[in-house]
C-alpha atoms as a PDB file:
ATOM      1  CA  MET A   1     224.727 149.513  76.299  1.00  0.00           C
ATOM      2  CA  LEU A   2     224.201 145.779  75.881  1.00  0.00           C
ATOM      3  CA  LEU A   3     221.767 144.635  73.177  1.00  0.00           C
ATOM      4  CA  LEU A   4     220.182 141.200  72.733  1.00  0.00           C
ATOM      5  CA  LEU A   5     220.036 140.288  69.042  1.00  0.00           C
ATOM      6  CA  PHE A   6     217.430 138.082  67.384  1.00  0.00           C
ATOM      7  CA  GLU A   7     215.917 137.442  63.956  1.00  0.00           C
ATOM      8  CA  ILE A   8     212.504 137.826  62.409  1.00  0.00           C
ATOM      9  CA  GLY A   9     212.489 136.533  58.862  1.00  0.00           C
ATOM     10  CA  SER A  10     215.821 137.529  57.337  1.00  0.00           C
ATOM     11  CA  ASP A  11     216.168 140.721  59.388  1.00  0.00           C
ATOM     12  CA  ARG A  12     218.005 141.249  62.669  1.00  0.00           C
ATOM     13  CA  TYR A  13     216.511 143.093  65.614  1.00  0.00           C
ATOM     14  CA  ALA A  14     217.684 144.127  69.059  1.00  0.00           C
ATOM     15  CA  LEU A  15     216.310 144.751  72.537  1.00  0.00           C
ATOM     16  CA  ASP A  16     218.050 146.807  75.182  1.00  0.00           C
ATOM     17  CA  ALA A  17     219.199 144.210  77.724  1.00  0.00           C
ATOM     18  CA  ARG A  18     218.051 146.491  80.562  1.00  0.00           C
ATOM     19  CA  GLN A  19     214.442 145.788  79.491  1.00  0.00           C
ATOM     20  CA  ILE A  20     214.911 142.015  79.707  1.00  0.00           C
ATOM     21  CA  VAL A  21     214.199 139.941  82.797  1.00  0.00           C
ATOM     22  CA  GLU A  22     215.273 136.564  81.422  1.00  0.00           C
ATOM     23  CA  VAL A  23     215.668 134.571  78.204  1.00  0.00           C
ATOM     24  CA  VAL A  24     214.202 131.064  78.407  1.00  0.00           C
ATOM     25  CA  PRO A  25     213.974 128.106  75.995  1.00  0.00           C
ATOM     26  CA  LEU A  26     210.870 127.564  73.909  1.00  0.00           C
ATOM     27  CA  VAL A  27     208.272 125.761  76.023  1.00  0.00           C
ATOM     28  CA  ARG A  28     204.855 124.294  75.390  1.00  0.00           C
ATOM     29  CA  LEU A  29     202.237 127.045  75.420  1.00  0.00           C
ATOM     30  CA  LYS A  30     198.572 126.985  76.409  1.00  0.00           C
ATOM     31  CA  LEU A  31     196.583 128.243  73.451  1.00  0.00           C
ATOM     32  CA  ILE A  32     194.088 131.016  74.131  1.00  0.00           C
ATOM     33  CA  PRO A  33     190.907 130.772  72.030  1.00  0.00           C
ATOM     34  CA  ASN A  34     189.683 133.810  70.088  1.00  0.00           C
ATOM     35  CA  THR A  35     192.922 135.797  70.279  1.00  0.00           C
ATOM     36  CA  PRO A  36     194.844 137.436  67.440  1.00  0.00           C
ATOM     37  CA  ASP A  37     197.288 135.155  65.615  1.00  0.00           C
ATOM     38  CA  HIS A  38     200.343 136.928  67.048  1.00  0.00           C
ATOM     39  CA  ILE A  39     199.417 135.835  70.574  1.00  0.00           C
ATOM     40  CA  ALA A  40     201.060 132.411  70.697  1.00  0.00           C
ATOM     41  CA  GLY A  41     199.484 131.493  74.054  1.00  0.00           C
ATOM     42  CA  LEU A  42     200.208 131.493  77.764  1.00  0.00           C
ATOM     43  CA  MET A  43     203.295 130.135  79.461  1.00  0.00           C
ATOM     44  CA  ASN A  44     203.946 129.266  83.083  1.00  0.00           C
ATOM     45  CA  TYR A  45     206.696 131.558  84.289  1.00  0.00           C
ATOM     46  CA  ARG A  46     207.669 130.976  87.914  1.00  0.00           C
ATOM     47  CA  GLY A  47     204.109 130.015  88.831  1.00  0.00           C
ATOM     48  CA  ALA A  48     202.363 132.813  86.917  1.00  0.00           C
ATOM     49  CA  ALA A  49     200.631 132.576  83.547  1.00  0.00           C
ATOM     50  CA  ILE A  50     201.988 135.229  81.187  1.00  0.00           C
ATOM     51  CA  PRO A  51     201.065 135.898  77.539  1.00  0.00           C
ATOM     52  CA  VAL A  52     203.542 135.140  74.766  1.00  0.00           C
ATOM     53  CA  ILE A  53     203.634 137.311  71.645  1.00  0.00           C
ATOM     54  CA  ASP A  54     205.077 135.661  68.535  1.00  0.00           C
ATOM     55  CA  LEU A  55     207.120 138.536  67.082  1.00  0.00           C
ATOM     56  CA  CYS A  56     207.590 136.700  63.775  1.00  0.00           C
ATOM     57  CA  ARG A  57     203.847 136.358  63.265  1.00  0.00           C
ATOM     58  CA  LEU A  58     203.234 139.920  64.457  1.00  0.00           C
ATOM     59  CA  LEU A  59     205.633 141.404  61.898  1.00  0.00           C
ATOM     60  CA  THR A  60     205.594 138.951  58.998  1.00  0.00           C
ATOM     61  CA  ALA A  61     202.435 136.822  59.475  1.00  0.00           C
ATOM     62  CA  VAL A  62     204.709 133.734  59.534  1.00  0.00           C
ATOM     63  CA  PRO A  63     205.106 132.015  62.930  1.00  0.00           C
ATOM     64  CA  CYS A  64     208.484 131.643  64.627  1.00  0.00           C
ATOM     65  CA  GLU A  65     210.345 128.443  63.836  1.00  0.00           C
ATOM     66  CA  ASN A  66     210.240 125.576  66.285  1.00  0.00           C
ATOM     67  CA  SER A  67     214.036 125.349  66.479  1.00  0.00           C
ATOM     68  CA  PHE A  68     216.774 125.094  69.094  1.00  0.00           C
ATOM     69  CA  SER A  69     217.635 128.798  68.820  1.00  0.00           C
ATOM     70  CA  THR A  70     214.041 130.050  69.127  1.00  0.00           C
ATOM     71  CA  ARG A  71     213.666 131.605  72.557  1.00  0.00           C
ATOM     72  CA  ILE A  72     211.171 133.363  74.745  1.00  0.00           C
ATOM     73  CA  ILE A  73     212.312 136.734  76.046  1.00  0.00           C
ATOM     74  CA  ILE A  74     210.676 137.756  79.332  1.00  0.00           C
ATOM     75  CA  VAL A  75     210.308 141.526  79.678  1.00  0.00           C
ATOM     76  CA  LYS A  76     208.545 143.890  82.053  1.00  0.00           C
ATOM     77  CA  HIS A  77     205.746 145.946  80.541  1.00  0.00           C
ATOM     78  CA  GLN A  78     204.224 149.050  82.118  1.00  0.00           C
ATOM     79  CA  VAL A  79     200.413 148.971  81.990  1.00  0.00           C
ATOM     80  CA  GLU A  80     198.340 152.076  82.609  1.00  0.00           C
ATOM     81  CA  ASN A  81     196.549 151.899  85.991  1.00  0.00           C
ATOM     82  CA  SER A  82     197.994 148.418  86.665  1.00  0.00           C
ATOM     83  CA  GLY A  83     201.723 148.889  87.103  1.00  0.00           C
ATOM     84  CA  GLU A  84     204.388 146.576  85.773  1.00  0.00           C
ATOM     85  CA  VAL A  85     203.515 143.132  84.366  1.00  0.00           C
ATOM     86  CA  SER A  86     205.534 140.326  82.805  1.00  0.00           C
ATOM     87  CA  LEU A  87     205.231 139.759  79.072  1.00  0.00           C
ATOM     88  CA  ALA A  88     206.939 137.148  76.891  1.00  0.00           C
ATOM     89  CA  LEU A  89     208.217 137.701  73.359  1.00  0.00           C
ATOM     90  CA  MET A  90     209.058 134.778  71.063  1.00  0.00           C
ATOM     91  CA  ALA A  91     211.778 135.239  68.419  1.00  0.00           C
ATOM     92  CA  ASN A  92     214.149 133.222  66.237  1.00  0.00           C
ATOM     93  CA  ASN A  93     217.921 132.911  66.571  1.00  0.00           C
ATOM     94  CA  VAL A  94     218.155 134.550  69.976  1.00  0.00           C
ATOM     95  CA  THR A  95     221.802 133.632  70.329  1.00  0.00           C
ATOM     96  CA  GLU A  96     223.902 136.755  70.617  1.00  0.00           C
ATOM     97  CA  THR A  97     224.473 139.932  72.570  1.00  0.00           C
ATOM     98  CA  VAL A  98     226.478 142.903  71.422  1.00  0.00           C
ATOM     99  CA  GLN A  99     227.912 145.869  73.268  1.00  0.00           C
ATOM    100  CA  THR A 100     227.351 149.294  71.716  1.00  0.00           C
ATOM    101  CA  SER A 101     228.439 152.761  72.726  1.00  0.00           C
ATOM    102  CA  LEU A 102     224.964 154.091  71.900  1.00  0.00           C
ATOM    103  CA  GLU A 103     222.940 155.157  74.932  1.00  0.00           C
ATOM    104  CA  ALA A 104     219.752 156.148  73.111  1.00  0.00           C
ATOM    105  CA  LEU A 105     217.965 155.278  69.915  1.00  0.00           C
ATOM    106  CA  PRO A 106     219.449 157.210  67.022  1.00  0.00           C
ATOM    107  CA  PRO A 107     217.098 158.916  64.552  1.00  0.00           C
ATOM    108  CA  SER A 108     216.163 156.615  61.684  1.00  0.00           C
ATOM    109  CA  GLY A 109     215.445 159.246  59.056  1.00  0.00           C
ATOM    110  CA  THR A 110     211.874 158.008  58.670  1.00  0.00           C
ATOM    111  CA  ILE A 111     208.652 158.739  60.456  1.00  0.00           C
ATOM    112  CA  MET A 112     207.817 155.589  62.391  1.00  0.00           C
ATOM    113  CA  ALA A 113     205.091 156.626  64.814  1.00  0.00           C
ATOM    114  CA  GLU A 114     202.848 153.814  63.572  1.00  0.00           C
ATOM    115  CA  THR A 115     205.482 151.070  63.871  1.00  0.00           C
ATOM    116  CA  LEU A 116     206.708 148.821  66.637  1.00  0.00           C
ATOM    117  CA  TYR A 117     210.225 150.143  66.393  1.00  0.00           C
ATOM    118  CA  GLY A 118     212.170 152.733  68.290  1.00  0.00           C
ATOM    119  CA  GLY A 119     214.795 153.432  65.654  1.00  0.00           C
ATOM    120  CA  VAL A 120     217.477 151.922  63.473  1.00  0.00           C
ATOM    121  CA  SER A 121     220.979 151.275  64.698  1.00  0.00           C
ATOM    122  CA  GLY A 122     223.789 148.841  64.225  1.00  0.00           C
ATOM    123  CA  PRO A 123     226.596 147.671  66.493  1.00  0.00           C
ATOM    124  CA  ASP A 124     228.905 148.032  63.519  1.00  0.00           C
ATOM    125  CA  ALA A 125     228.674 149.896  60.239  1.00  0.00           C
ATOM    126  CA  SER A 126     228.197 146.761  58.119  1.00  0.00           C
ATOM    127  CA  GLU A 127     224.652 145.970  59.205  1.00  0.00           C
ATOM    128  CA  LEU A 128     221.447 147.787  60.128  1.00  0.00           C
ATOM    129  CA  ILE A 129     219.659 146.307  63.103  1.00  0.00           C
ATOM    130  CA  GLN A 130     216.148 147.379  64.019  1.00  0.00           C
ATOM    131  CA  TRP A 131     215.976 148.356  67.691  1.00  0.00           C
ATOM    132  CA  PHE A 132     212.700 147.432  69.420  1.00  0.00           C
ATOM    133  CA  ASP A 133     211.032 149.608  72.015  1.00  0.00           C
ATOM    134  CA  VAL A 134     209.210 147.212  74.371  1.00  0.00           C
ATOM    135  CA  LYS A 135     206.653 149.927  75.159  1.00  0.00           C
ATOM    136  CA  LYS A 136     205.517 149.752  71.537  1.00  0.00           C
ATOM    137  CA  ILE A 137     205.456 145.960  71.152  1.00  0.00           C
ATOM    138  CA  ILE A 138     201.786 145.523  72.043  1.00  0.00           C
ATOM    139  CA  PRO A 139     199.516 146.918  69.341  1.00  0.00           C
ATOM    140  CA  GLU A 140     197.556 149.873  70.709  1.00  0.00           C
ATOM    141  CA  LYS A 141     194.159 148.227  70.290  1.00  0.00           C
ATOM    142  CA  ASP A 142     195.242 144.820  71.568  1.00  0.00           C
ATOM    143  CA  PHE A 143     193.302 143.339  74.450  1.00  0.00           C
ATOM    144  CA  LEU A 144     196.293 142.166  76.479  1.00  0.00           C
ATOM    145  CA  PHE A 145     196.371 143.839  79.880  1.00  0.00           C
ATOM    146  CA  PRO A 146     193.319 146.072  79.558  1.00  0.00           C
ATOM    147  CA  ALA A 147     193.720 149.186  81.699  1.00  0.00           C
ATOM    148  CA  GLY A 148     192.688 148.589  85.273  1.00  0.00           C
ATOM    149  CA  GLU A 149     193.013 144.788  85.290  1.00  0.00           C
END
């Protein structure tokens, strides 16, 4: 399985490349008034406005850096009663992919039902990398993509 690696704070995270549509450079975003801080704004993606979630702000309350290696990761998100929609995730140091023999998230040894993560894994034994589950990225009570819209 191919994983896309990125950073939030000093920690490394990964997304299963099969969940990713495209990785694009950081672009100017349209701010959305009265939204939670982790919603960075809207971006124009191939003629459609899609929301961008700042993963750094969501997890650490500190916004992603405005640097050359900060990227926007376009993913597909399944919405109840609406089907599949595009969603953008902003992260730092999105510069590397790694191949792993893992085909599923390994157990982490902790109960993480309340977290955004799917489990802990690492492409090699020297480092733990948190593996994101895109289905859990959006906080449950968030107002992005309300059911039926």
